[in-house]
Amino acid sequence: MSKHKEAGDEREKSREAQAENDVQPENQEESPQAETPEPPQNEAVNWEQKSAELETKLADLNDQYLRKAADFENFRKRVNREKQEIVDFANQNLLLDLLPVIDDFERAIRSAETSRDFASFFEGINMIEKRLSAELENKWGLKHFVSEGEPFDPNRHEALQMEKAAGINEPVVKEDYVKGYLLKDRVIRFAKVKVIMPDEESARAAD
């Protein structure tokens, strides 16, 4: 009887021990977090290689930027130099056309020094003036406009002197002191003129 009881106790203890073993993993405390493993050596080498490649590309881009900046600066200087040359030599053709006129003046002066013939000198100067005016008008579009006897136009005329006169209804240019000039139909110099103005009686009659 006691042997059977002892055997039963042993089986009970065995079952309890087995139950404890089965429950123990659930009650165990969490193990400390494992440390992150270091990357493999070949992965570290790849990062170093990529870093070196990026540095090389950055150096190349910086070199390209410096080259572009230098090219742009040279281009800017060249454009400014060419613009200045255009300004300096813009009137070259005009001046070349004026040189023969200067030659004519010099010949006329030398002729007057030897002959002392005023009539011939005057005729020569008059011919030179006409030749110069025709050259400037036909080739360059420069011509003077007639002002005397024309209605006063503040867009063309500059009144240096005024006087009143009867028999007129509006200001009229009486005398042309300095000729006005057009360049291709644009006024580039006002004519300096004397203007006659309507007197009060003429003005009232016009009203």
C-alpha atoms as a PDB file:
ATOM      1  CA  MET A   1       0.000   0.000   0.000  1.00  0.00           C
ATOM      2  CA  SER A   2       2.768   2.410   0.893  1.00  0.00           C
ATOM      3  CA  LYS A   3       4.633   1.467  -2.250  1.00  0.00           C
ATOM      4  CA  HIS A   4       1.647   2.327  -4.377  1.00  0.00           C
ATOM      5  CA  LYS A   5       1.314   5.642  -2.572  1.00  0.00           C
ATOM      6  CA  GLU A   6       4.960   6.465  -3.040  1.00  0.00           C
ATOM      7  CA  ALA A   7       4.694   5.670  -6.736  1.00  0.00           C
ATOM      8  CA  GLY A   8       1.681   7.953  -7.032  1.00  0.00           C
ATOM      9  CA  ASP A   9       3.536  10.755  -5.274  1.00  0.00           C
ATOM     10  CA  GLU A  10       6.468  10.361  -7.621  1.00  0.00           C
ATOM     11  CA  ARG A  11       4.178  10.570 -10.665  1.00  0.00           C
ATOM     12  CA  GLU A  12       2.489  13.660  -9.224  1.00  0.00           C
ATOM     13  CA  LYS A  13       5.842  15.342  -8.632  1.00  0.00           C
ATOM     14  CA  SER A  14       6.903  14.450 -12.171  1.00  0.00           C
ATOM     15  CA  ARG A  15       3.750  15.994 -13.611  1.00  0.00           C
ATOM     16  CA  GLU A  16       4.214  19.188 -11.566  1.00  0.00           C
ATOM     17  CA  ALA A  17       7.812  19.466 -12.680  1.00  0.00           C
ATOM     18  CA  GLN A  18       6.765  18.984 -16.274  1.00  0.00           C
ATOM     19  CA  ALA A  19       4.071  21.655 -15.880  1.00  0.00           C
ATOM     20  CA  GLU A  20       6.629  24.072 -14.434  1.00  0.00           C
ATOM     21  CA  ASN A  21       8.923  23.417 -17.368  1.00  0.00           C
ATOM     22  CA  ASP A  22       6.092  24.091 -19.786  1.00  0.00           C
ATOM     23  CA  VAL A  23       5.116  27.418 -18.114  1.00  0.00           C
ATOM     24  CA  GLN A  24       8.630  28.662 -17.429  1.00  0.00           C
ATOM     25  CA  PRO A  25       9.321  30.184 -20.910  1.00  0.00           C
ATOM     26  CA  GLU A  26       6.223  32.421 -20.565  1.00  0.00           C
ATOM     27  CA  ASN A  27       7.326  33.683 -17.148  1.00  0.00           C
ATOM     28  CA  GLN A  28      10.935  34.244 -18.037  1.00  0.00           C
ATOM     29  CA  GLU A  29      12.100  37.871 -18.041  1.00  0.00           C
ATOM     30  CA  GLU A  30      12.824  39.403 -21.426  1.00  0.00           C
ATOM     31  CA  SER A  31      16.372  38.988 -22.440  1.00  0.00           C
ATOM     32  CA  PRO A  32      18.329  42.190 -22.973  1.00  0.00           C
ATOM     33  CA  GLN A  33      18.157  43.642 -26.563  1.00  0.00           C
ATOM     34  CA  ALA A  34      20.867  42.288 -28.723  1.00  0.00           C
ATOM     35  CA  GLU A  35      23.391  44.814 -30.047  1.00  0.00           C
ATOM     36  CA  THR A  36      23.181  45.786 -33.742  1.00  0.00           C
ATOM     37  CA  PRO A  37      25.724  43.779 -35.587  1.00  0.00           C
ATOM     38  CA  GLU A  38      28.395  45.721 -37.370  1.00  0.00           C
ATOM     39  CA  PRO A  39      27.994  45.887 -41.158  1.00  0.00           C
ATOM     40  CA  PRO A  40      30.088  43.500 -43.095  1.00  0.00           C
ATOM     41  CA  GLN A  41      33.466  44.748 -44.166  1.00  0.00           C
ATOM     42  CA  ASN A  42      32.572  44.728 -47.875  1.00  0.00           C
ATOM     43  CA  GLU A  43      29.543  47.041 -47.189  1.00  0.00           C
ATOM     44  CA  ALA A  44      31.797  49.574 -45.429  1.00  0.00           C
ATOM     45  CA  VAL A  45      34.117  49.500 -48.431  1.00  0.00           C
ATOM     46  CA  ASN A  46      31.168  50.249 -50.727  1.00  0.00           C
ATOM     47  CA  TRP A  47      30.220  53.333 -48.715  1.00  0.00           C
ATOM     48  CA  GLU A  48      33.795  54.607 -48.827  1.00  0.00           C
ATOM     49  CA  GLN A  49      33.847  54.082 -52.599  1.00  0.00           C
ATOM     50  CA  LYS A  50      30.556  55.951 -53.073  1.00  0.00           C
ATOM     51  CA  SER A  51      31.808  58.825 -50.917  1.00  0.00           C
ATOM     52  CA  ALA A  52      34.962  59.065 -53.017  1.00  0.00           C
ATOM     53  CA  GLU A  53      32.900  59.044 -56.222  1.00  0.00           C
ATOM     54  CA  LEU A  54      30.667  61.861 -54.925  1.00  0.00           C
ATOM     55  CA  GLU A  55      33.699  63.934 -53.974  1.00  0.00           C
ATOM     56  CA  THR A  56      35.116  63.439 -57.474  1.00  0.00           C
ATOM     57  CA  LYS A  57      31.818  64.501 -59.076  1.00  0.00           C
ATOM     58  CA  LEU A  58      31.639  67.553 -56.816  1.00  0.00           C
ATOM     59  CA  ALA A  59      35.154  68.555 -57.799  1.00  0.00           C
ATOM     60  CA  ASP A  60      34.266  68.130 -61.490  1.00  0.00           C
ATOM     61  CA  LEU A  61      31.122  70.241 -61.134  1.00  0.00           C
ATOM     62  CA  ASN A  62      33.048  72.962 -59.311  1.00  0.00           C
ATOM     63  CA  ASP A  63      35.659  72.964 -62.067  1.00  0.00           C
ATOM     64  CA  GLN A  64      32.932  73.232 -64.720  1.00  0.00           C
ATOM     65  CA  TYR A  65      31.339  76.140 -62.834  1.00  0.00           C
ATOM     66  CA  LEU A  66      34.629  78.015 -62.655  1.00  0.00           C
ATOM     67  CA  ARG A  67      35.208  77.454 -66.370  1.00  0.00           C
ATOM     68  CA  LYS A  68      31.699  78.666 -67.261  1.00  0.00           C
ATOM     69  CA  ALA A  69      32.122  81.736 -65.060  1.00  0.00           C
ATOM     70  CA  ALA A  70      35.440  82.556 -66.739  1.00  0.00           C
ATOM     71  CA  ASP A  71      33.920  82.044 -70.201  1.00  0.00           C
ATOM     72  CA  PHE A  72      30.999  84.331 -69.344  1.00  0.00           C
ATOM     73  CA  GLU A  73      33.337  87.036 -68.044  1.00  0.00           C
ATOM     74  CA  ASN A  74      35.406  86.865 -71.226  1.00  0.00           C
ATOM     75  CA  PHE A  75      32.207  87.027 -73.304  1.00  0.00           C
ATOM     76  CA  ARG A  76      30.992  90.075 -71.373  1.00  0.00           C
ATOM     77  CA  LYS A  77      34.300  91.872 -71.866  1.00  0.00           C
ATOM     78  CA  ARG A  78      34.309  91.052 -75.581  1.00  0.00           C
ATOM     79  CA  VAL A  79      30.746  92.348 -76.040  1.00  0.00           C
ATOM     80  CA  ASN A  80      31.549  95.581 -74.198  1.00  0.00           C
ATOM     81  CA  ARG A  81      34.679  96.039 -76.306  1.00  0.00           C
ATOM     82  CA  GLU A  82      32.745  95.475 -79.534  1.00  0.00           C
ATOM     83  CA  LYS A  83      30.008  97.891 -78.424  1.00  0.00           C
ATOM     84  CA  GLN A  84      32.615 100.541 -77.708  1.00  0.00           C
ATOM     85  CA  GLU A  85      34.192  99.978 -81.114  1.00  0.00           C
ATOM     86  CA  ILE A  86      30.787 100.413 -82.755  1.00  0.00           C
ATOM     87  CA  VAL A  87      30.308 103.703 -80.933  1.00  0.00           C
ATOM     88  CA  ASP A  88      33.821 104.896 -81.769  1.00  0.00           C
ATOM     89  CA  PHE A  89      33.547 104.082 -85.473  1.00  0.00           C
ATOM     90  CA  ALA A  90      29.812 104.615 -86.036  1.00  0.00           C
ATOM     91  CA  ASN A  91      30.468 107.797 -88.028  1.00  0.00           C
ATOM     92  CA  GLN A  92      33.376 106.448 -90.045  1.00  0.00           C
ATOM     93  CA  ASN A  93      31.475 106.364 -93.359  1.00  0.00           C
ATOM     94  CA  LEU A  94      30.106 109.858 -92.816  1.00  0.00           C
ATOM     95  CA  LEU A  95      33.562 111.203 -92.108  1.00  0.00           C
ATOM     96  CA  LEU A  96      34.935 109.510 -95.213  1.00  0.00           C
ATOM     97  CA  ASP A  97      32.268 111.318 -97.247  1.00  0.00           C
ATOM     98  CA  LEU A  98      33.271 114.625 -95.663  1.00  0.00           C
ATOM     99  CA  LEU A  99      36.965 114.297 -96.460  1.00  0.00           C
ATOM    100  CA  PRO A 100      36.579 115.265-100.155  1.00  0.00           C
ATOM    101  CA  VAL A 101      34.678 118.369 -99.052  1.00  0.00           C
ATOM    102  CA  ILE A 102      37.553 119.312 -96.761  1.00  0.00           C
ATOM    103  CA  ASP A 103      39.917 118.808 -99.707  1.00  0.00           C
ATOM    104  CA  ASP A 104      37.797 121.229-101.774  1.00  0.00           C
ATOM    105  CA  PHE A 105      37.926 123.826 -99.020  1.00  0.00           C
ATOM    106  CA  GLU A 106      41.698 123.552 -98.802  1.00  0.00           C
ATOM    107  CA  ARG A 107      42.049 123.959-102.574  1.00  0.00           C
ATOM    108  CA  ALA A 108      39.736 126.977-102.544  1.00  0.00           C
ATOM    109  CA  ILE A 109      41.754 128.607 -99.762  1.00  0.00           C
ATOM    110  CA  ARG A 110      45.074 128.009-101.548  1.00  0.00           C
ATOM    111  CA  SER A 111      43.613 129.410-104.762  1.00  0.00           C
ATOM    112  CA  ALA A 112      42.378 132.543-102.995  1.00  0.00           C
ATOM    113  CA  GLU A 113      45.808 133.102-101.435  1.00  0.00           C
ATOM    114  CA  THR A 114      47.467 133.268-104.847  1.00  0.00           C
ATOM    115  CA  SER A 115      44.830 134.837-107.101  1.00  0.00           C
ATOM    116  CA  ARG A 116      43.094 137.157-104.629  1.00  0.00           C
ATOM    117  CA  ASP A 117      40.030 136.858-106.852  1.00  0.00           C
ATOM    118  CA  PHE A 118      37.071 137.251-104.528  1.00  0.00           C
ATOM    119  CA  ALA A 119      34.455 136.373-107.173  1.00  0.00           C
ATOM    120  CA  SER A 120      36.169 133.103-108.002  1.00  0.00           C
ATOM    121  CA  PHE A 121      36.660 132.344-104.321  1.00  0.00           C
ATOM    122  CA  PHE A 122      32.977 133.031-103.577  1.00  0.00           C
ATOM    123  CA  GLU A 123      31.866 130.854-106.457  1.00  0.00           C
ATOM    124  CA  GLY A 124      34.100 128.012-105.314  1.00  0.00           C
ATOM    125  CA  ILE A 125      32.833 128.182-101.728  1.00  0.00           C
ATOM    126  CA  ASN A 126      29.228 128.267-102.951  1.00  0.00           C
ATOM    127  CA  MET A 127      29.801 125.139-105.041  1.00  0.00           C
ATOM    128  CA  ILE A 128      31.375 123.333-102.109  1.00  0.00           C
ATOM    129  CA  GLU A 129      28.412 124.166 -99.868  1.00  0.00           C
ATOM    130  CA  LYS A 130      25.934 122.858-102.422  1.00  0.00           C
ATOM    131  CA  ARG A 131      27.956 119.694-102.913  1.00  0.00           C
ATOM    132  CA  LEU A 132      28.112 119.087 -99.174  1.00  0.00           C
ATOM    133  CA  SER A 133      24.373 119.682 -98.668  1.00  0.00           C
ATOM    134  CA  ALA A 134      23.487 117.357-101.550  1.00  0.00           C
ATOM    135  CA  GLU A 135      25.803 114.629-100.200  1.00  0.00           C
ATOM    136  CA  LEU A 136      24.297 114.801 -96.721  1.00  0.00           C
ATOM    137  CA  GLU A 137      20.728 114.835 -97.973  1.00  0.00           C
ATOM    138  CA  ASN A 138      20.985 112.126-100.625  1.00  0.00           C
ATOM    139  CA  LYS A 139      23.181 109.707 -98.714  1.00  0.00           C
ATOM    140  CA  TRP A 140      22.429 110.439 -95.074  1.00  0.00           C
ATOM    141  CA  GLY A 141      18.913 111.908 -95.066  1.00  0.00           C
ATOM    142  CA  LEU A 142      19.963 115.241 -93.546  1.00  0.00           C
ATOM    143  CA  LYS A 143      18.258 118.338 -94.935  1.00  0.00           C
ATOM    144  CA  HIS A 144      17.232 121.767 -93.745  1.00  0.00           C
ATOM    145  CA  PHE A 145      13.628 122.958 -93.760  1.00  0.00           C
ATOM    146  CA  VAL A 146      12.296 126.315 -94.818  1.00  0.00           C
ATOM    147  CA  SER A 147      10.896 128.436 -91.983  1.00  0.00           C
ATOM    148  CA  GLU A 148      10.537 131.958 -93.347  1.00  0.00           C
ATOM    149  CA  GLY A 149       6.903 132.758 -94.146  1.00  0.00           C
ATOM    150  CA  GLU A 150       5.645 129.586 -92.473  1.00  0.00           C
ATOM    151  CA  PRO A 151       3.300 129.517 -89.458  1.00  0.00           C
ATOM    152  CA  PHE A 152       5.220 129.383 -86.205  1.00  0.00           C
ATOM    153  CA  ASP A 153       5.509 125.775 -85.017  1.00  0.00           C
ATOM    154  CA  PRO A 154       6.949 125.227 -81.518  1.00  0.00           C
ATOM    155  CA  ASN A 155       7.868 121.687 -82.598  1.00  0.00           C
ATOM    156  CA  ARG A 156      10.219 123.120 -85.240  1.00  0.00           C
ATOM    157  CA  HIS A 157      10.965 126.699 -84.310  1.00  0.00           C
ATOM    158  CA  GLU A 158      12.638 128.491 -81.445  1.00  0.00           C
ATOM    159  CA  ALA A 159      11.570 132.126 -81.263  1.00  0.00           C
ATOM    160  CA  LEU A 160      14.508 134.429 -80.541  1.00  0.00           C
ATOM    161  CA  GLN A 161      12.621 137.635 -81.255  1.00  0.00           C
ATOM    162  CA  MET A 162       8.957 138.627 -81.626  1.00  0.00           C
ATOM    163  CA  GLU A 163       7.132 141.692 -82.887  1.00  0.00           C
ATOM    164  CA  LYS A 164       3.495 142.548 -83.489  1.00  0.00           C
ATOM    165  CA  ALA A 165       2.068 143.190 -86.927  1.00  0.00           C
ATOM    166  CA  ALA A 166      -1.359 143.960 -88.375  1.00  0.00           C
ATOM    167  CA  GLY A 167      -3.129 141.874 -90.958  1.00  0.00           C
ATOM    168  CA  ILE A 168      -2.224 138.422 -89.654  1.00  0.00           C
ATOM    169  CA  ASN A 169      -4.322 136.019 -87.618  1.00  0.00           C
ATOM    170  CA  GLU A 170      -1.592 133.703 -86.291  1.00  0.00           C
ATOM    171  CA  PRO A 171       2.121 133.863 -85.457  1.00  0.00           C
ATOM    172  CA  VAL A 172       4.299 133.674 -88.567  1.00  0.00           C
ATOM    173  CA  VAL A 173       8.051 133.254 -88.978  1.00  0.00           C
ATOM    174  CA  LYS A 174       9.418 136.493 -90.409  1.00  0.00           C
ATOM    175  CA  GLU A 175      13.124 135.708 -90.502  1.00  0.00           C
ATOM    176  CA  ASP A 176      15.234 132.566 -90.252  1.00  0.00           C
ATOM    177  CA  TYR A 177      18.328 133.308 -88.142  1.00  0.00           C
ATOM    178  CA  VAL A 178      19.628 129.721 -87.995  1.00  0.00           C
ATOM    179  CA  LYS A 179      18.349 126.958 -90.229  1.00  0.00           C
ATOM    180  CA  GLY A 180      16.565 123.985 -88.751  1.00  0.00           C
ATOM    181  CA  TYR A 181      17.459 120.464 -89.868  1.00  0.00           C
ATOM    182  CA  LEU A 182      15.671 117.145 -90.287  1.00  0.00           C
ATOM    183  CA  LEU A 183      17.251 113.712 -90.156  1.00  0.00           C
ATOM    184  CA  LYS A 184      14.966 111.298 -91.987  1.00  0.00           C
ATOM    185  CA  ASP A 185      11.920 113.481 -91.184  1.00  0.00           C
ATOM    186  CA  ARG A 186      12.849 113.915 -87.532  1.00  0.00           C
ATOM    187  CA  VAL A 187      13.759 117.371 -86.280  1.00  0.00           C
ATOM    188  CA  ILE A 188      17.299 117.240 -84.913  1.00  0.00           C
ATOM    189  CA  ARG A 189      17.832 121.015 -84.706  1.00  0.00           C
ATOM    190  CA  PHE A 190      15.219 123.694 -84.201  1.00  0.00           C
ATOM    191  CA  ALA A 191      15.287 126.707 -86.464  1.00  0.00           C
ATOM    192  CA  LYS A 192      16.066 129.908 -84.576  1.00  0.00           C
ATOM    193  CA  VAL A 193      13.656 132.496 -85.913  1.00  0.00           C
ATOM    194  CA  LYS A 194      12.049 135.906 -85.593  1.00  0.00           C
ATOM    195  CA  VAL A 195       8.270 135.737 -85.226  1.00  0.00           C
ATOM    196  CA  ILE A 196       5.601 138.319 -86.024  1.00  0.00           C
ATOM    197  CA  MET A 197       2.542 138.166 -83.787  1.00  0.00           C
ATOM    198  CA  PRO A 198      -1.034 139.360 -84.500  1.00  0.00           C
ATOM    199  CA  ASP A 199      -1.872 142.686 -82.856  1.00  0.00           C
ATOM    200  CA  GLU A 200      -4.874 142.949 -80.569  1.00  0.00           C
ATOM    201  CA  GLU A 201      -7.195 144.337 -83.242  1.00  0.00           C
ATOM    202  CA  SER A 202      -6.340 141.547 -85.663  1.00  0.00           C
ATOM    203  CA  ALA A 203      -6.882 139.005 -82.914  1.00  0.00           C
ATOM    204  CA  ARG A 204     -10.311 140.440 -82.049  1.00  0.00           C
ATOM    205  CA  ALA A 205     -11.271 140.497 -85.725  1.00  0.00           C
ATOM    206  CA  ALA A 206     -10.314 136.855 -86.076  1.00  0.00           C
ATOM    207  CA  ASP A 207     -12.526 136.003 -83.090  1.00  0.00           C
END
